[in-house]
Amino acid sequence: MPYVLALVPTIGMATLFYFVIKSILEGDRRERIAHAKWEKEHQLADNGTQPAQSAPFTTSDDRTGSATPDITGR
């Protein structure tokens, strides 16, 4: 039992570290997607066209597991 109790703080800190890093990476992914969407909207506005409202903004993460933005409007 003392050996298990000695490992509890390490396991607790590892779990906390995991969730903190996971939330940082997810926040970064969402920020990159939002930034790509913002750039696309402003690029379209500079060209004098309005962005298509019917097609939702997706990422290639939806299909391939990669977190890169898919701004092709597929």
N, C-alpha and C. Protein backbone atom coordinates (compact mmCIF):
# COMPACT_ATOMS: atom_id res chain seq x y z
N MET A 1 0.81 -1.21 0.00
CA MET A 1 0.00 0.00 0.00
C MET A 1 0.85 1.28 0.00
N PRO A 2 1.96 1.33 0.72
CA PRO A 2 2.76 2.56 0.68
C PRO A 2 3.33 2.86 -0.71
N TYR A 3 3.57 1.80 -1.48
CA TYR A 3 4.10 2.01 -2.83
C TYR A 3 3.04 2.64 -3.74
N VAL A 4 1.81 2.22 -3.58
CA VAL A 4 0.72 2.79 -4.36
C VAL A 4 0.51 4.26 -3.98
N LEU A 5 0.53 4.55 -2.69
CA LEU A 5 0.37 5.92 -2.22
C LEU A 5 1.51 6.82 -2.70
N ALA A 6 2.68 6.26 -2.88
CA ALA A 6 3.82 7.04 -3.37
C ALA A 6 3.64 7.41 -4.85
N LEU A 7 2.88 6.61 -5.58
CA LEU A 7 2.68 6.87 -7.01
C LEU A 7 1.49 7.79 -7.28
N VAL A 8 0.60 7.98 -6.33
CA VAL A 8 -0.61 8.78 -6.53
C VAL A 8 -0.28 10.22 -6.95
N PRO A 9 0.64 10.94 -6.30
CA PRO A 9 0.93 12.31 -6.75
C PRO A 9 1.47 12.36 -8.18
N THR A 10 2.30 11.40 -8.55
CA THR A 10 2.84 11.37 -9.90
C THR A 10 1.75 11.13 -10.92
N ILE A 11 0.87 10.20 -10.63
CA ILE A 11 -0.24 9.91 -11.54
C ILE A 11 -1.17 11.12 -11.63
N GLY A 12 -1.43 11.77 -10.52
CA GLY A 12 -2.29 12.96 -10.52
C GLY A 12 -1.69 14.09 -11.33
N MET A 13 -0.41 14.35 -11.18
CA MET A 13 0.25 15.40 -11.95
C MET A 13 0.29 15.06 -13.44
N ALA A 14 0.51 13.80 -13.77
CA ALA A 14 0.53 13.38 -15.18
C ALA A 14 -0.85 13.57 -15.81
N THR A 15 -1.90 13.26 -15.06
CA THR A 15 -3.26 13.45 -15.56
C THR A 15 -3.56 14.93 -15.76
N LEU A 16 -3.19 15.75 -14.81
CA LEU A 16 -3.39 17.19 -14.93
C LEU A 16 -2.62 17.74 -16.13
N PHE A 17 -1.37 17.32 -16.29
CA PHE A 17 -0.53 17.75 -17.41
C PHE A 17 -1.18 17.36 -18.74
N TYR A 18 -1.71 16.15 -18.83
CA TYR A 18 -2.36 15.68 -20.04
C TYR A 18 -3.53 16.59 -20.42
N PHE A 19 -4.41 16.90 -19.47
CA PHE A 19 -5.58 17.71 -19.78
C PHE A 19 -5.21 19.15 -20.11
N VAL A 20 -4.19 19.70 -19.47
CA VAL A 20 -3.76 21.06 -19.78
C VAL A 20 -3.20 21.12 -21.20
N ILE A 21 -2.32 20.21 -21.56
CA ILE A 21 -1.74 20.19 -22.90
C ILE A 21 -2.82 19.93 -23.95
N LYS A 22 -3.75 19.04 -23.65
CA LYS A 22 -4.84 18.74 -24.58
C LYS A 22 -5.68 19.98 -24.84
N SER A 23 -6.02 20.73 -23.81
CA SER A 23 -6.83 21.93 -24.00
C SER A 23 -6.06 23.01 -24.75
N ILE A 24 -4.76 23.12 -24.53
CA ILE A 24 -3.94 24.09 -25.27
C ILE A 24 -3.93 23.74 -26.75
N LEU A 25 -3.72 22.48 -27.07
CA LEU A 25 -3.68 22.07 -28.47
C LEU A 25 -5.03 22.21 -29.16
N GLU A 26 -6.11 21.91 -28.48
CA GLU A 26 -7.44 22.08 -29.06
C GLU A 26 -7.77 23.55 -29.28
N GLY A 27 -7.37 24.39 -28.34
CA GLY A 27 -7.57 25.84 -28.49
C GLY A 27 -6.78 26.38 -29.67
N ASP A 28 -5.57 25.90 -29.84
CA ASP A 28 -4.74 26.33 -30.96
C ASP A 28 -5.37 25.90 -32.28
N ARG A 29 -5.88 24.68 -32.32
CA ARG A 29 -6.52 24.17 -33.54
C ARG A 29 -7.73 25.02 -33.90
N ARG A 30 -8.57 25.33 -32.90
CA ARG A 30 -9.75 26.15 -33.16
C ARG A 30 -9.35 27.56 -33.61
N GLU A 31 -8.30 28.10 -33.02
CA GLU A 31 -7.84 29.44 -33.40
C GLU A 31 -7.33 29.46 -34.83
N ARG A 32 -6.60 28.43 -35.24
CA ARG A 32 -6.11 28.35 -36.62
C ARG A 32 -7.27 28.24 -37.61
N ILE A 33 -8.28 27.48 -37.27
CA ILE A 33 -9.45 27.35 -38.14
C ILE A 33 -10.17 28.69 -38.24
N ALA A 34 -10.37 29.37 -37.12
CA ALA A 34 -11.04 30.67 -37.13
C ALA A 34 -10.24 31.69 -37.92
N HIS A 35 -8.93 31.65 -37.78
CA HIS A 35 -8.08 32.60 -38.51
C HIS A 35 -8.14 32.33 -40.01
N ALA A 36 -8.13 31.07 -40.42
CA ALA A 36 -8.22 30.73 -41.84
C ALA A 36 -9.57 31.18 -42.40
N LYS A 37 -10.63 31.02 -41.63
CA LYS A 37 -11.96 31.45 -42.06
C LYS A 37 -11.99 32.97 -42.20
N TRP A 38 -11.42 33.68 -41.24
CA TRP A 38 -11.37 35.14 -41.28
C TRP A 38 -10.58 35.61 -42.50
N GLU A 39 -9.43 34.98 -42.77
CA GLU A 39 -8.62 35.35 -43.93
C GLU A 39 -9.39 35.10 -45.23
N LYS A 40 -10.10 33.99 -45.29
CA LYS A 40 -10.87 33.67 -46.50
C LYS A 40 -11.96 34.72 -46.72
N GLU A 41 -12.67 35.09 -45.66
CA GLU A 41 -13.72 36.10 -45.77
C GLU A 41 -13.17 37.44 -46.23
N HIS A 42 -12.02 37.84 -45.69
CA HIS A 42 -11.43 39.11 -46.06
C HIS A 42 -10.83 39.07 -47.47
N GLN A 43 -10.32 37.93 -47.86
CA GLN A 43 -9.81 37.79 -49.22
C GLN A 43 -10.95 37.90 -50.22
N LEU A 44 -12.07 37.28 -49.91
CA LEU A 44 -13.24 37.37 -50.78
C LEU A 44 -13.78 38.80 -50.81
N ALA A 45 -13.77 39.48 -49.68
CA ALA A 45 -14.25 40.85 -49.61
C ALA A 45 -13.33 41.77 -50.42
N ASP A 46 -12.04 41.53 -50.41
CA ASP A 46 -11.11 42.32 -51.19
C ASP A 46 -11.32 42.11 -52.69
N ASN A 47 -11.76 40.93 -53.08
CA ASN A 47 -12.03 40.63 -54.48
C ASN A 47 -13.40 41.14 -54.92
N GLY A 48 -14.20 41.63 -53.99
CA GLY A 48 -15.50 42.17 -54.33
C GLY A 48 -16.62 41.16 -54.35
N THR A 49 -16.39 39.98 -53.85
CA THR A 49 -17.44 38.97 -53.81
C THR A 49 -17.80 38.69 -52.37
N GLN A 50 -18.99 38.18 -52.17
CA GLN A 50 -19.45 37.82 -50.84
C GLN A 50 -19.17 36.36 -50.58
N PRO A 51 -18.77 35.99 -49.35
CA PRO A 51 -18.57 34.58 -49.05
C PRO A 51 -19.87 33.80 -49.11
N ALA A 52 -19.79 32.56 -49.55
CA ALA A 52 -20.98 31.72 -49.64
C ALA A 52 -21.45 31.35 -48.24
N GLN A 53 -22.70 31.65 -47.94
CA GLN A 53 -23.25 31.36 -46.63
C GLN A 53 -23.81 29.95 -46.54
N SER A 54 -24.06 29.31 -47.68
CA SER A 54 -24.70 28.00 -47.65
C SER A 54 -23.73 26.88 -47.31
N ALA A 55 -22.46 27.03 -47.66
CA ALA A 55 -21.47 25.97 -47.42
C ALA A 55 -20.81 26.21 -46.07
N PRO A 56 -20.92 25.28 -45.14
CA PRO A 56 -20.27 25.45 -43.85
C PRO A 56 -18.77 25.32 -43.99
N PHE A 57 -18.05 26.02 -43.13
CA PHE A 57 -16.59 25.95 -43.13
C PHE A 57 -16.18 24.64 -42.48
N THR A 58 -15.40 23.86 -43.17
CA THR A 58 -14.95 22.58 -42.64
C THR A 58 -13.44 22.53 -42.64
N THR A 59 -12.92 21.57 -41.93
CA THR A 59 -11.49 21.32 -41.97
C THR A 59 -11.27 19.93 -42.50
N SER A 60 -10.06 19.68 -42.92
CA SER A 60 -9.75 18.34 -43.39
C SER A 60 -9.74 17.37 -42.22
N ASP A 61 -9.77 17.92 -40.99
CA ASP A 61 -9.85 17.10 -39.78
C ASP A 61 -11.13 16.26 -39.79
N ASP A 62 -12.18 16.79 -40.45
CA ASP A 62 -13.46 16.09 -40.51
C ASP A 62 -13.36 14.79 -41.29
N ARG A 63 -12.40 14.71 -42.20
CA ARG A 63 -12.31 13.53 -43.06
C ARG A 63 -11.03 12.72 -42.85
N THR A 64 -9.91 13.38 -42.60
CA THR A 64 -8.63 12.66 -42.62
C THR A 64 -7.95 12.57 -41.27
N GLY A 65 -8.40 13.33 -40.29
CA GLY A 65 -7.73 13.32 -39.00
C GLY A 65 -6.66 14.40 -38.89
N SER A 66 -6.40 15.11 -39.99
CA SER A 66 -5.44 16.21 -39.98
C SER A 66 -6.16 17.47 -39.54
N ALA A 67 -5.46 18.36 -38.87
CA ALA A 67 -6.10 19.57 -38.35
C ALA A 67 -5.84 20.78 -39.23
N THR A 68 -5.55 20.61 -40.50
CA THR A 68 -5.32 21.75 -41.37
C THR A 68 -6.64 22.24 -41.94
N PRO A 69 -6.80 23.57 -42.05
CA PRO A 69 -8.07 24.08 -42.58
C PRO A 69 -8.25 23.72 -44.05
N ASP A 70 -9.47 23.41 -44.41
CA ASP A 70 -9.82 23.12 -45.79
C ASP A 70 -10.66 24.29 -46.27
N ILE A 71 -10.03 25.23 -46.97
CA ILE A 71 -10.72 26.44 -47.39
C ILE A 71 -11.15 26.35 -48.85
N THR A 72 -11.18 25.15 -49.39
CA THR A 72 -11.59 24.98 -50.78
C THR A 72 -13.09 24.97 -50.92
N GLY A 73 -13.85 24.84 -49.85
CA GLY A 73 -15.30 24.87 -49.90
C GLY A 73 -15.91 23.60 -50.44
N ARG A 74 -15.29 22.48 -50.20
CA ARG A 74 -15.83 21.19 -50.68
C ARG A 74 -17.11 20.85 -50.01
